[in-house]
Amino acid sequence: MSVPQFIEQRRVDGILLLRLNRPEQRNAINEQLQQELTDALFDAAAAPEVRGIILTGNGDAFCAGADLGRFEGELSTPVFRLYSHTLTQLITLIERIEKPIVAAINGLTTGAGTQLALACDLRVASAEARFLMREGRIGLIPSHGGCVRLVRLVGLARARDILLGGRDLSADDALHYGLLTDVVPAAELMDAAHARLADALQSAPHAYGLAKRLLMLASSVDMESGLVAESLAQSLLVQSDDHHEGLRARRERRAPRFTGK
């Protein structure tokens, strides 16, 4: 197994910080970074000692999208679709991990980098962050869920304004459109990301994970199917130790001590 080179990892008190680390290329995603990030996320999802994740970038960019160099040369259409699908799988993985994941958007983000950020549960950005919606200028569209995810997050009208308007978005613009949870001064970015994660971690782990999955389901199923899924999830949670602990803590007027059981 290769030594991680493009993903920095640091875990403190159950919080795993993942930092994209190709600053000279504005953290553009090449094959090695993609594999390292996939491995890190899988390991974090399975590790009971990891309670939450913060994803950020090194240098002046969060992520400049896919490294276009990986698609240079002769690529057949099926091979391109295969490469593209693996990147889509990485971004979708973030949405499927049943633990809180906060994006700390430290600077420029575009292309697949925007999708990495939007797939996270919560998104805190530096006031210096920018979203560049420029795929059309190189004859492409936002992919890896770019169009679908944007409509689900902000609605069709605002998605049209963002994508068809062709204007780069400042952090404040992105907050106005509903792409961000919060915007803070650059010096406060990591503290704000940790604070948002701490808020998310007040929920019992299984309750949080199932709520996250149900929210994803809700955007693509009819009301009756959604109600059935909610009922099934609730029937599992009501039998959990964490539910009983939450009730005891409320009666005793104290903070609950959840164990994930």
Protein backbone atom coordinates (compact mmCIF):
# COMPACT_ATOMS: atom_id res chain seq x y z
CA MET A 1 0.00 0.00 0.00
CA SER A 2 1.40 3.43 -0.94
CA VAL A 3 2.18 5.98 1.75
CA PRO A 4 -0.48 8.74 1.79
CA GLN A 5 0.84 11.78 0.00
CA PHE A 6 -2.08 13.94 -1.05
CA ILE A 7 -4.37 13.56 1.98
CA GLU A 8 -3.24 14.75 5.41
CA GLN A 9 -5.02 13.11 8.33
CA ARG A 10 -5.19 14.18 11.97
CA ARG A 11 -7.51 12.79 14.63
CA VAL A 12 -8.14 14.54 17.95
CA ASP A 13 -10.88 13.58 20.43
CA GLY A 14 -12.73 11.53 17.87
CA ILE A 15 -12.70 14.24 15.18
CA LEU A 16 -10.87 13.33 11.99
CA LEU A 17 -9.48 16.20 9.93
CA LEU A 18 -8.91 15.32 6.26
CA ARG A 19 -6.95 17.94 4.35
CA LEU A 20 -6.53 17.77 0.56
CA ASN A 21 -2.83 18.32 0.00
CA ARG A 22 -1.88 19.27 -3.56
CA PRO A 23 -1.62 23.03 -2.96
CA GLU A 24 0.51 23.70 -6.07
CA GLN A 25 -2.34 22.25 -8.18
CA ARG A 26 -5.03 23.88 -6.00
CA ASN A 27 -5.84 20.42 -4.64
CA ALA A 28 -7.10 19.18 -7.99
CA ILE A 29 -8.11 15.52 -7.80
CA ASN A 30 -5.73 13.14 -9.52
CA GLU A 31 -5.96 9.35 -9.30
CA GLN A 32 -3.79 9.08 -6.19
CA LEU A 33 -5.61 11.79 -4.25
CA GLN A 34 -8.91 10.20 -5.22
CA GLN A 35 -7.80 6.79 -3.97
CA GLU A 36 -6.30 8.19 -0.76
CA LEU A 37 -9.47 10.14 0.04
CA THR A 38 -11.66 7.12 -0.71
CA ASP A 39 -9.55 4.93 1.58
CA ALA A 40 -9.56 7.55 4.35
CA LEU A 41 -13.34 7.93 4.20
CA PHE A 42 -13.97 4.18 4.21
CA ASP A 43 -11.65 3.73 7.19
CA ALA A 44 -13.33 6.61 9.06
CA ALA A 45 -16.81 5.25 8.36
CA ALA A 46 -15.87 1.88 9.89
CA ALA A 47 -13.82 3.17 12.82
CA PRO A 48 -15.83 3.50 16.07
CA GLU A 49 -13.24 5.92 17.44
CA VAL A 50 -14.06 8.43 14.66
CA ARG A 51 -17.20 10.37 15.60
CA GLY A 52 -17.11 13.07 12.92
CA ILE A 53 -15.10 14.34 9.96
CA ILE A 54 -13.95 17.76 8.74
CA LEU A 55 -12.85 18.04 5.10
CA THR A 56 -10.74 21.00 4.01
CA GLY A 57 -7.94 21.98 1.63
CA ASN A 58 -4.32 23.02 1.97
CA GLY A 59 -3.22 26.39 0.57
CA ASP A 60 -5.47 28.97 -1.07
CA ALA A 61 -7.99 26.52 -2.56
CA PHE A 62 -10.44 23.95 -1.27
CA CYS A 63 -10.42 21.92 -4.49
CA ALA A 64 -10.07 22.88 -8.14
CA GLY A 65 -11.99 19.83 -9.32
CA ALA A 66 -10.66 16.88 -11.28
CA ASP A 67 -7.11 17.18 -12.56
CA LEU A 68 -7.77 17.57 -16.28
CA GLY A 69 -4.37 16.05 -17.02
CA ARG A 70 -5.77 12.62 -16.22
CA PHE A 71 -8.09 12.91 -19.25
CA GLU A 72 -5.49 14.07 -21.76
CA GLY A 73 -4.58 11.87 -24.69
CA GLU A 74 -6.75 9.35 -26.45
CA LEU A 75 -9.62 8.19 -24.25
CA SER A 76 -12.54 6.24 -25.60
CA THR A 77 -15.97 7.36 -24.49
CA PRO A 78 -16.56 4.18 -22.42
CA VAL A 79 -13.20 4.59 -20.65
CA PHE A 80 -13.95 8.23 -19.88
CA ARG A 81 -17.32 7.23 -18.43
CA LEU A 82 -15.58 4.62 -16.28
CA TYR A 83 -13.09 7.16 -14.88
CA SER A 84 -15.90 9.65 -14.32
CA HIS A 85 -17.99 7.05 -12.52
CA THR A 86 -15.24 6.30 -10.00
CA LEU A 87 -15.10 9.99 -9.09
CA THR A 88 -18.88 10.08 -8.75
CA GLN A 89 -18.64 7.12 -6.37
CA LEU A 90 -16.18 9.01 -4.15
CA ILE A 91 -18.47 12.04 -3.91
CA THR A 92 -21.52 9.87 -3.25
CA LEU A 93 -19.61 8.05 -0.51
CA ILE A 94 -19.55 11.28 1.53
CA GLU A 95 -23.35 11.36 1.48
CA ARG A 96 -23.63 7.72 2.54
CA ILE A 97 -21.33 7.81 5.57
CA GLU A 98 -23.62 7.85 8.60
CA LYS A 99 -21.45 10.25 10.60
CA PRO A 100 -21.35 14.06 10.56
CA ILE A 101 -19.13 15.46 7.82
CA VAL A 102 -18.44 19.20 7.68
CA ALA A 103 -16.70 20.93 4.77
CA ALA A 104 -14.40 23.77 5.81
CA ILE A 105 -14.11 25.60 2.49
CA ASN A 106 -10.91 27.58 2.76
CA GLY A 107 -10.73 29.08 -0.73
CA LEU A 108 -11.53 28.53 -4.38
CA THR A 109 -13.61 25.53 -5.36
CA THR A 110 -14.85 24.46 -8.76
CA GLY A 111 -15.95 21.42 -10.73
CA ALA A 112 -15.80 18.18 -8.78
CA GLY A 113 -14.43 20.17 -5.85
CA THR A 114 -17.79 21.91 -5.59
CA GLN A 115 -19.47 18.50 -5.53
CA LEU A 116 -17.16 17.32 -2.73
CA ALA A 117 -18.24 20.35 -0.71
CA LEU A 118 -21.96 20.08 -1.50
CA ALA A 119 -22.01 16.38 -0.61
CA CYS A 120 -20.96 17.20 2.95
CA ASP A 121 -23.66 17.51 5.61
CA LEU A 122 -22.74 21.09 6.52
CA ARG A 123 -20.56 23.66 4.72
CA VAL A 124 -18.68 26.45 6.47
CA ALA A 125 -16.69 28.78 4.23
CA SER A 126 -14.02 31.39 4.67
CA ALA A 127 -15.11 34.85 3.58
CA GLU A 128 -12.37 34.49 0.94
CA ALA A 129 -13.89 31.36 -0.60
CA ARG A 130 -15.19 31.45 -4.18
CA PHE A 131 -17.28 29.06 -6.26
CA LEU A 132 -16.38 29.07 -9.95
CA MET A 133 -19.16 27.72 -12.15
CA ARG A 134 -17.15 27.58 -15.35
CA GLU A 135 -17.73 24.13 -16.80
CA GLY A 136 -19.59 25.62 -19.76
CA ARG A 137 -16.51 27.63 -20.71
CA ILE A 138 -14.65 24.43 -21.52
CA GLY A 139 -17.64 22.81 -23.21
CA LEU A 140 -18.79 20.70 -20.26
CA ILE A 141 -21.51 20.64 -17.60
CA PRO A 142 -21.33 20.12 -13.84
CA SER A 143 -21.27 16.34 -13.45
CA HIS A 144 -20.83 13.81 -10.61
CA GLY A 145 -24.28 14.89 -9.45
CA GLY A 146 -23.59 18.57 -10.09
CA CYS A 147 -26.89 19.47 -11.71
CA VAL A 148 -29.07 17.08 -9.69
CA ARG A 149 -27.47 17.90 -6.32
CA LEU A 150 -27.72 21.64 -6.95
CA VAL A 151 -31.45 21.46 -7.70
CA ARG A 152 -32.06 19.33 -4.62
CA LEU A 153 -30.16 21.76 -2.40
CA VAL A 154 -31.46 25.11 -3.61
CA GLY A 155 -34.42 24.42 -5.92
CA LEU A 156 -34.76 24.70 -9.69
CA ALA A 157 -35.10 28.49 -9.92
CA ARG A 158 -31.96 29.21 -7.94
CA ALA A 159 -30.07 26.41 -9.67
CA ARG A 160 -30.89 28.08 -12.99
CA ASP A 161 -29.65 31.40 -11.68
CA ILE A 162 -26.38 29.82 -10.57
CA LEU A 163 -25.59 27.56 -13.54
CA LEU A 164 -27.14 29.45 -16.43
CA GLY A 165 -26.25 32.88 -15.10
CA GLY A 166 -22.57 32.04 -15.59
CA ARG A 167 -21.35 34.23 -12.73
CA ASP A 168 -18.71 33.22 -10.21
CA LEU A 169 -20.03 33.20 -6.65
CA SER A 170 -18.40 34.81 -3.66
CA ALA A 171 -18.84 33.17 -0.27
CA ASP A 172 -21.63 35.63 0.54
CA ASP A 173 -23.34 34.87 -2.80
CA ALA A 174 -23.16 31.14 -2.07
CA LEU A 175 -24.63 31.70 1.40
CA HIS A 176 -27.46 33.77 -0.12
CA TYR A 177 -28.30 30.99 -2.58
CA GLY A 178 -28.31 28.33 0.14
CA LEU A 179 -25.11 26.52 -0.82
CA LEU A 180 -23.43 27.27 2.50
CA THR A 181 -24.29 26.86 6.15
CA ASP A 182 -22.16 29.77 7.32
CA VAL A 183 -19.46 32.24 6.24
CA VAL A 184 -16.76 33.34 8.69
CA PRO A 185 -13.45 35.24 8.59
CA ALA A 186 -10.59 33.07 7.34
CA ALA A 187 -8.92 33.00 10.76
CA GLU A 188 -12.09 31.54 12.32
CA LEU A 189 -12.80 28.87 9.70
CA MET A 190 -11.59 25.77 11.54
CA ASP A 191 -13.09 26.88 14.86
CA ALA A 192 -16.43 27.40 13.10
CA ALA A 193 -16.23 23.98 11.44
CA HIS A 194 -15.50 22.32 14.78
CA ALA A 195 -18.41 24.19 16.37
CA ARG A 196 -20.84 23.03 13.68
CA LEU A 197 -19.58 19.48 14.06
CA ALA A 198 -20.01 19.68 17.84
CA ASP A 199 -23.65 20.71 17.33
CA ALA A 200 -24.23 17.75 15.00
CA LEU A 201 -22.63 15.36 17.47
CA GLN A 202 -25.27 16.13 20.09
CA SER A 203 -27.56 13.69 18.28
CA ALA A 204 -27.32 9.97 19.03
CA PRO A 205 -25.09 8.35 16.39
CA HIS A 206 -27.67 6.00 14.87
CA ALA A 207 -30.37 8.68 14.91
CA TYR A 208 -28.03 11.04 13.06
CA GLY A 209 -27.02 8.43 10.52
CA LEU A 210 -30.57 7.37 9.73
CA ALA A 211 -31.76 10.98 9.50
CA LYS A 212 -28.96 11.66 7.02
CA ARG A 213 -29.97 8.70 4.86
CA LEU A 214 -33.66 9.54 5.07
CA LEU A 215 -33.03 13.11 3.93
CA MET A 216 -31.26 11.78 0.85
CA LEU A 217 -34.11 9.37 0.20
CA ALA A 218 -36.75 12.08 0.65
CA SER A 219 -35.52 14.00 -2.37
CA SER A 220 -36.26 11.16 -4.76
CA VAL A 221 -39.27 9.18 -3.50
CA ASP A 222 -43.00 9.77 -3.15
CA MET A 223 -44.61 10.70 0.17
CA GLU A 224 -45.91 7.21 0.97
CA SER A 225 -42.51 5.60 0.41
CA GLY A 226 -40.88 8.25 2.57
CA LEU A 227 -43.37 7.67 5.38
CA VAL A 228 -42.71 3.92 5.30
CA ALA A 229 -38.95 4.46 5.45
CA GLU A 230 -39.31 6.89 8.37
CA SER A 231 -41.51 4.44 10.26
CA LEU A 232 -39.03 1.59 9.77
CA ALA A 233 -36.14 3.76 10.95
CA GLN A 234 -38.09 4.95 13.99
CA SER A 235 -39.05 1.39 14.93
CA LEU A 236 -35.36 0.51 15.12
CA LEU A 237 -34.37 3.63 17.05
CA VAL A 238 -37.12 3.33 19.66
CA GLN A 239 -35.56 0.05 20.83
CA SER A 240 -32.04 1.49 21.10
CA ASP A 241 -30.07 2.08 24.29
CA ASP A 242 -29.40 5.62 23.12
CA HIS A 243 -33.13 6.38 22.94
CA HIS A 244 -33.61 5.17 26.50
CA GLU A 245 -30.56 7.14 27.62
CA GLY A 246 -31.94 10.25 25.94
CA LEU A 247 -35.22 9.87 27.86
CA ARG A 248 -33.38 9.33 31.16
CA ALA A 249 -31.19 12.36 30.55
CA ARG A 250 -34.22 14.52 29.87
CA ARG A 251 -35.94 13.38 33.06
CA GLU A 252 -32.74 13.97 35.04
CA ARG A 253 -32.08 17.32 33.37
CA ARG A 254 -28.57 16.43 32.21
CA ALA A 255 -26.71 15.93 28.94
CA PRO A 256 -27.16 12.43 27.48
CA ARG A 257 -24.23 10.04 27.28
CA PHE A 258 -24.77 8.24 23.99
CA THR A 259 -22.87 5.06 23.18
CA GLY A 260 -24.10 4.31 19.66
CA LYS A 261 -26.08 1.27 20.84
